[in-house]
Amino acid sequence: MTTAPHQQDEVTCSFCLRSESELGKLVQGPGVYICEECIKACSQLVAGSDLATSGRAPWQRALSDEELLTQLPRLAVVGTQAERALTELVRKGRAQGITWTRIGASLGMTRQSAWERFSGEQ
């Protein structure tokens, strides 16, 4: 079995999927990260700039087969980042006394499904 090219603790830009080691600093949100290049592209979009004249947004460019296959494990890292943040938030809710029923309902699942996914118990 081969391992993904990213270390488990390394973070990845949630937009362009490049790793922290490729980019340097990333801005962190709850389970998401964004690099400087993607921030610039987002700023252009918000300002109403046509990205066609300034280049496509990094997450919109066409990918070759090899680039696509390289992106798959990177996107898996992004999913893991979001899952960690979700689990942490659920655990905070539980520490505050929120019931599994309410947590499950807010996530569109049953109490039992929420407990199985987030409790850490078998």
C-alpha atoms as a PDB file:
ATOM      1  CA  MET A   1       0.000   0.000   0.000  1.00  0.00           C
ATOM      2  CA  THR A   2       1.391   3.412  -0.908  1.00  0.00           C
ATOM      3  CA  THR A   3       0.987   6.429   1.296  1.00  0.00           C
ATOM      4  CA  ALA A   4      -0.361   9.798   0.257  1.00  0.00           C
ATOM      5  CA  PRO A   5       2.289  12.393  -0.574  1.00  0.00           C
ATOM      6  CA  HIS A   6       1.161  14.559   2.345  1.00  0.00           C
ATOM      7  CA  GLN A   7       1.991  14.026   5.974  1.00  0.00           C
ATOM      8  CA  GLN A   8      -1.093  13.654   8.149  1.00  0.00           C
ATOM      9  CA  ASP A   9      -0.358  16.878  10.076  1.00  0.00           C
ATOM     10  CA  GLU A  10       0.461  18.943   6.994  1.00  0.00           C
ATOM     11  CA  VAL A  11      -2.309  21.299   5.942  1.00  0.00           C
ATOM     12  CA  THR A  12      -3.493  21.998   2.422  1.00  0.00           C
ATOM     13  CA  CYS A  13      -5.135  25.032   0.816  1.00  0.00           C
ATOM     14  CA  SER A  14      -8.811  24.118   0.597  1.00  0.00           C
ATOM     15  CA  PHE A  15      -9.099  25.862  -2.775  1.00  0.00           C
ATOM     16  CA  CYS A  16      -6.024  25.028  -4.880  1.00  0.00           C
ATOM     17  CA  LEU A  17      -5.089  21.890  -2.892  1.00  0.00           C
ATOM     18  CA  ARG A  18      -1.399  22.774  -2.668  1.00  0.00           C
ATOM     19  CA  SER A  19       0.321  21.864   0.582  1.00  0.00           C
ATOM     20  CA  GLU A  20       1.707  24.177   3.198  1.00  0.00           C
ATOM     21  CA  SER A  21       5.229  23.044   2.280  1.00  0.00           C
ATOM     22  CA  GLU A  22       4.605  24.262  -1.290  1.00  0.00           C
ATOM     23  CA  LEU A  23       3.055  27.562  -0.240  1.00  0.00           C
ATOM     24  CA  GLY A  24       4.376  28.748   3.078  1.00  0.00           C
ATOM     25  CA  LYS A  25       1.816  30.422   5.290  1.00  0.00           C
ATOM     26  CA  LEU A  26      -1.879  29.646   5.034  1.00  0.00           C
ATOM     27  CA  VAL A  27      -4.802  31.498   6.617  1.00  0.00           C
ATOM     28  CA  GLN A  28      -6.817  29.127   8.791  1.00  0.00           C
ATOM     29  CA  GLY A  29     -10.565  28.977   9.296  1.00  0.00           C
ATOM     30  CA  PRO A  30     -12.685  26.277  10.934  1.00  0.00           C
ATOM     31  CA  GLY A  31     -11.406  23.205   9.080  1.00  0.00           C
ATOM     32  CA  VAL A  32     -10.320  25.165   6.017  1.00  0.00           C
ATOM     33  CA  TYR A  33      -7.155  26.891   4.882  1.00  0.00           C
ATOM     34  CA  ILE A  34      -6.449  29.352   2.079  1.00  0.00           C
ATOM     35  CA  CYS A  35      -3.185  30.449   0.499  1.00  0.00           C
ATOM     36  CA  GLU A  36      -2.152  33.933  -0.572  1.00  0.00           C
ATOM     37  CA  GLU A  37      -2.671  33.194  -4.287  1.00  0.00           C
ATOM     38  CA  CYS A  38      -6.223  32.010  -3.694  1.00  0.00           C
ATOM     39  CA  ILE A  39      -6.931  35.007  -1.438  1.00  0.00           C
ATOM     40  CA  LYS A  40      -5.876  37.263  -4.312  1.00  0.00           C
ATOM     41  CA  ALA A  41      -8.145  35.391  -6.748  1.00  0.00           C
ATOM     42  CA  CYS A  42     -11.053  35.623  -4.286  1.00  0.00           C
ATOM     43  CA  SER A  43     -10.423  39.346  -3.801  1.00  0.00           C
ATOM     44  CA  GLN A  44     -10.569  39.821  -7.568  1.00  0.00           C
ATOM     45  CA  LEU A  45     -13.859  37.931  -7.746  1.00  0.00           C
ATOM     46  CA  VAL A  46     -15.378  39.940  -4.896  1.00  0.00           C
ATOM     47  CA  ALA A  47     -14.216  43.183  -6.522  1.00  0.00           C
ATOM     48  CA  GLY A  48     -16.025  42.132  -9.695  1.00  0.00           C
ATOM     49  CA  SER A  49     -12.844  41.592 -11.687  1.00  0.00           C
ATOM     50  CA  ASP A  50     -13.060  39.256 -14.642  1.00  0.00           C
ATOM     51  CA  LEU A  51     -10.601  36.462 -13.907  1.00  0.00           C
ATOM     52  CA  ALA A  52     -10.383  35.752 -17.627  1.00  0.00           C
ATOM     53  CA  THR A  53      -8.239  38.877 -17.998  1.00  0.00           C
ATOM     54  CA  SER A  54      -6.157  38.182 -14.903  1.00  0.00           C
ATOM     55  CA  GLY A  55      -5.901  34.416 -15.309  1.00  0.00           C
ATOM     56  CA  ARG A  56      -8.222  31.685 -14.090  1.00  0.00           C
ATOM     57  CA  ALA A  57      -8.673  31.115 -10.414  1.00  0.00           C
ATOM     58  CA  PRO A  58      -6.201  28.448  -9.276  1.00  0.00           C
ATOM     59  CA  TRP A  59      -8.994  25.994  -8.438  1.00  0.00           C
ATOM     60  CA  GLN A  60     -10.625  26.370 -11.882  1.00  0.00           C
ATOM     61  CA  ARG A  61      -7.778  25.414 -14.171  1.00  0.00           C
ATOM     62  CA  ALA A  62      -7.972  22.307 -16.342  1.00  0.00           C
ATOM     63  CA  LEU A  63      -5.992  19.324 -15.082  1.00  0.00           C
ATOM     64  CA  SER A  64      -4.083  16.651 -16.957  1.00  0.00           C
ATOM     65  CA  ASP A  65      -4.639  13.045 -15.886  1.00  0.00           C
ATOM     66  CA  GLU A  66      -1.463  13.103 -13.776  1.00  0.00           C
ATOM     67  CA  GLU A  67      -2.392  16.415 -12.150  1.00  0.00           C
ATOM     68  CA  LEU A  68      -5.868  15.085 -11.393  1.00  0.00           C
ATOM     69  CA  LEU A  69      -4.418  11.933  -9.808  1.00  0.00           C
ATOM     70  CA  THR A  70      -2.051  14.105  -7.766  1.00  0.00           C
ATOM     71  CA  GLN A  71      -4.985  16.228  -6.583  1.00  0.00           C
ATOM     72  CA  LEU A  72      -7.049  13.273  -5.313  1.00  0.00           C
ATOM     73  CA  PRO A  73      -4.994  12.628  -2.149  1.00  0.00           C
ATOM     74  CA  ARG A  74      -4.679  16.370  -1.627  1.00  0.00           C
ATOM     75  CA  LEU A  75      -8.460  16.732  -1.627  1.00  0.00           C
ATOM     76  CA  ALA A  76      -8.622  13.817   0.811  1.00  0.00           C
ATOM     77  CA  VAL A  77      -6.374  15.867   3.131  1.00  0.00           C
ATOM     78  CA  VAL A  78      -8.809  18.781   2.865  1.00  0.00           C
ATOM     79  CA  GLY A  79     -11.663  16.434   3.775  1.00  0.00           C
ATOM     80  CA  THR A  80      -9.700  15.206   6.776  1.00  0.00           C
ATOM     81  CA  GLN A  81      -9.062  18.799   7.872  1.00  0.00           C
ATOM     82  CA  ALA A  82     -12.785  19.558   7.738  1.00  0.00           C
ATOM     83  CA  GLU A  83     -13.661  16.302   9.532  1.00  0.00           C
ATOM     84  CA  ARG A  84     -11.232  17.119  12.350  1.00  0.00           C
ATOM     85  CA  ALA A  85     -12.786  20.571  12.766  1.00  0.00           C
ATOM     86  CA  LEU A  86     -16.296  19.083  12.758  1.00  0.00           C
ATOM     87  CA  THR A  87     -15.333  16.479  15.359  1.00  0.00           C
ATOM     88  CA  GLU A  88     -13.741  19.149  17.543  1.00  0.00           C
ATOM     89  CA  LEU A  89     -16.864  21.307  17.346  1.00  0.00           C
ATOM     90  CA  VAL A  90     -19.119  18.355  18.217  1.00  0.00           C
ATOM     91  CA  ARG A  91     -16.912  17.559  21.209  1.00  0.00           C
ATOM     92  CA  LYS A  92     -17.129  21.184  22.356  1.00  0.00           C
ATOM     93  CA  GLY A  93     -20.902  20.931  22.078  1.00  0.00           C
ATOM     94  CA  ARG A  94     -20.919  17.776  24.153  1.00  0.00           C
ATOM     95  CA  ALA A  95     -18.680  19.447  26.765  1.00  0.00           C
ATOM     96  CA  GLN A  96     -21.275  22.230  26.946  1.00  0.00           C
ATOM     97  CA  GLY A  97     -23.977  19.650  27.602  1.00  0.00           C
ATOM     98  CA  ILE A  98     -25.625  19.555  24.168  1.00  0.00           C
ATOM     99  CA  THR A  99     -27.335  16.195  23.700  1.00  0.00           C
ATOM    100  CA  TRP A 100     -26.527  13.694  20.969  1.00  0.00           C
ATOM    101  CA  THR A 101     -30.128  14.118  19.800  1.00  0.00           C
ATOM    102  CA  ARG A 102     -29.657  17.851  19.166  1.00  0.00           C
ATOM    103  CA  ILE A 103     -26.237  17.362  17.589  1.00  0.00           C
ATOM    104  CA  GLY A 104     -27.600  14.637  15.304  1.00  0.00           C
ATOM    105  CA  ALA A 105     -30.585  16.784  14.320  1.00  0.00           C
ATOM    106  CA  SER A 106     -28.351  19.728  13.445  1.00  0.00           C
ATOM    107  CA  LEU A 107     -26.311  17.438  11.185  1.00  0.00           C
ATOM    108  CA  GLY A 108     -29.338  15.751   9.601  1.00  0.00           C
ATOM    109  CA  MET A 109     -28.664  12.390  11.231  1.00  0.00           C
ATOM    110  CA  THR A 110     -29.980  10.348  14.104  1.00  0.00           C
ATOM    111  CA  ARG A 111     -28.714  10.588  17.662  1.00  0.00           C
ATOM    112  CA  GLN A 112     -27.209   7.128  17.293  1.00  0.00           C
ATOM    113  CA  SER A 113     -25.413   8.009  14.046  1.00  0.00           C
ATOM    114  CA  ALA A 114     -23.959  11.153  15.622  1.00  0.00           C
ATOM    115  CA  TRP A 115     -22.762   9.196  18.649  1.00  0.00           C
ATOM    116  CA  GLU A 116     -21.200   6.480  16.478  1.00  0.00           C
ATOM    117  CA  ARG A 117     -19.405   9.008  14.284  1.00  0.00           C
ATOM    118  CA  PHE A 118     -18.147  11.425  16.931  1.00  0.00           C
ATOM    119  CA  SER A 119     -18.062   9.807  20.370  1.00  0.00           C
ATOM    120  CA  GLY A 120     -14.803   7.940  19.847  1.00  0.00           C
ATOM    121  CA  GLU A 121     -16.345   4.932  21.575  1.00  0.00           C
ATOM    122  CA  GLN A 122     -16.884   1.594  19.894  1.00  0.00           C
END
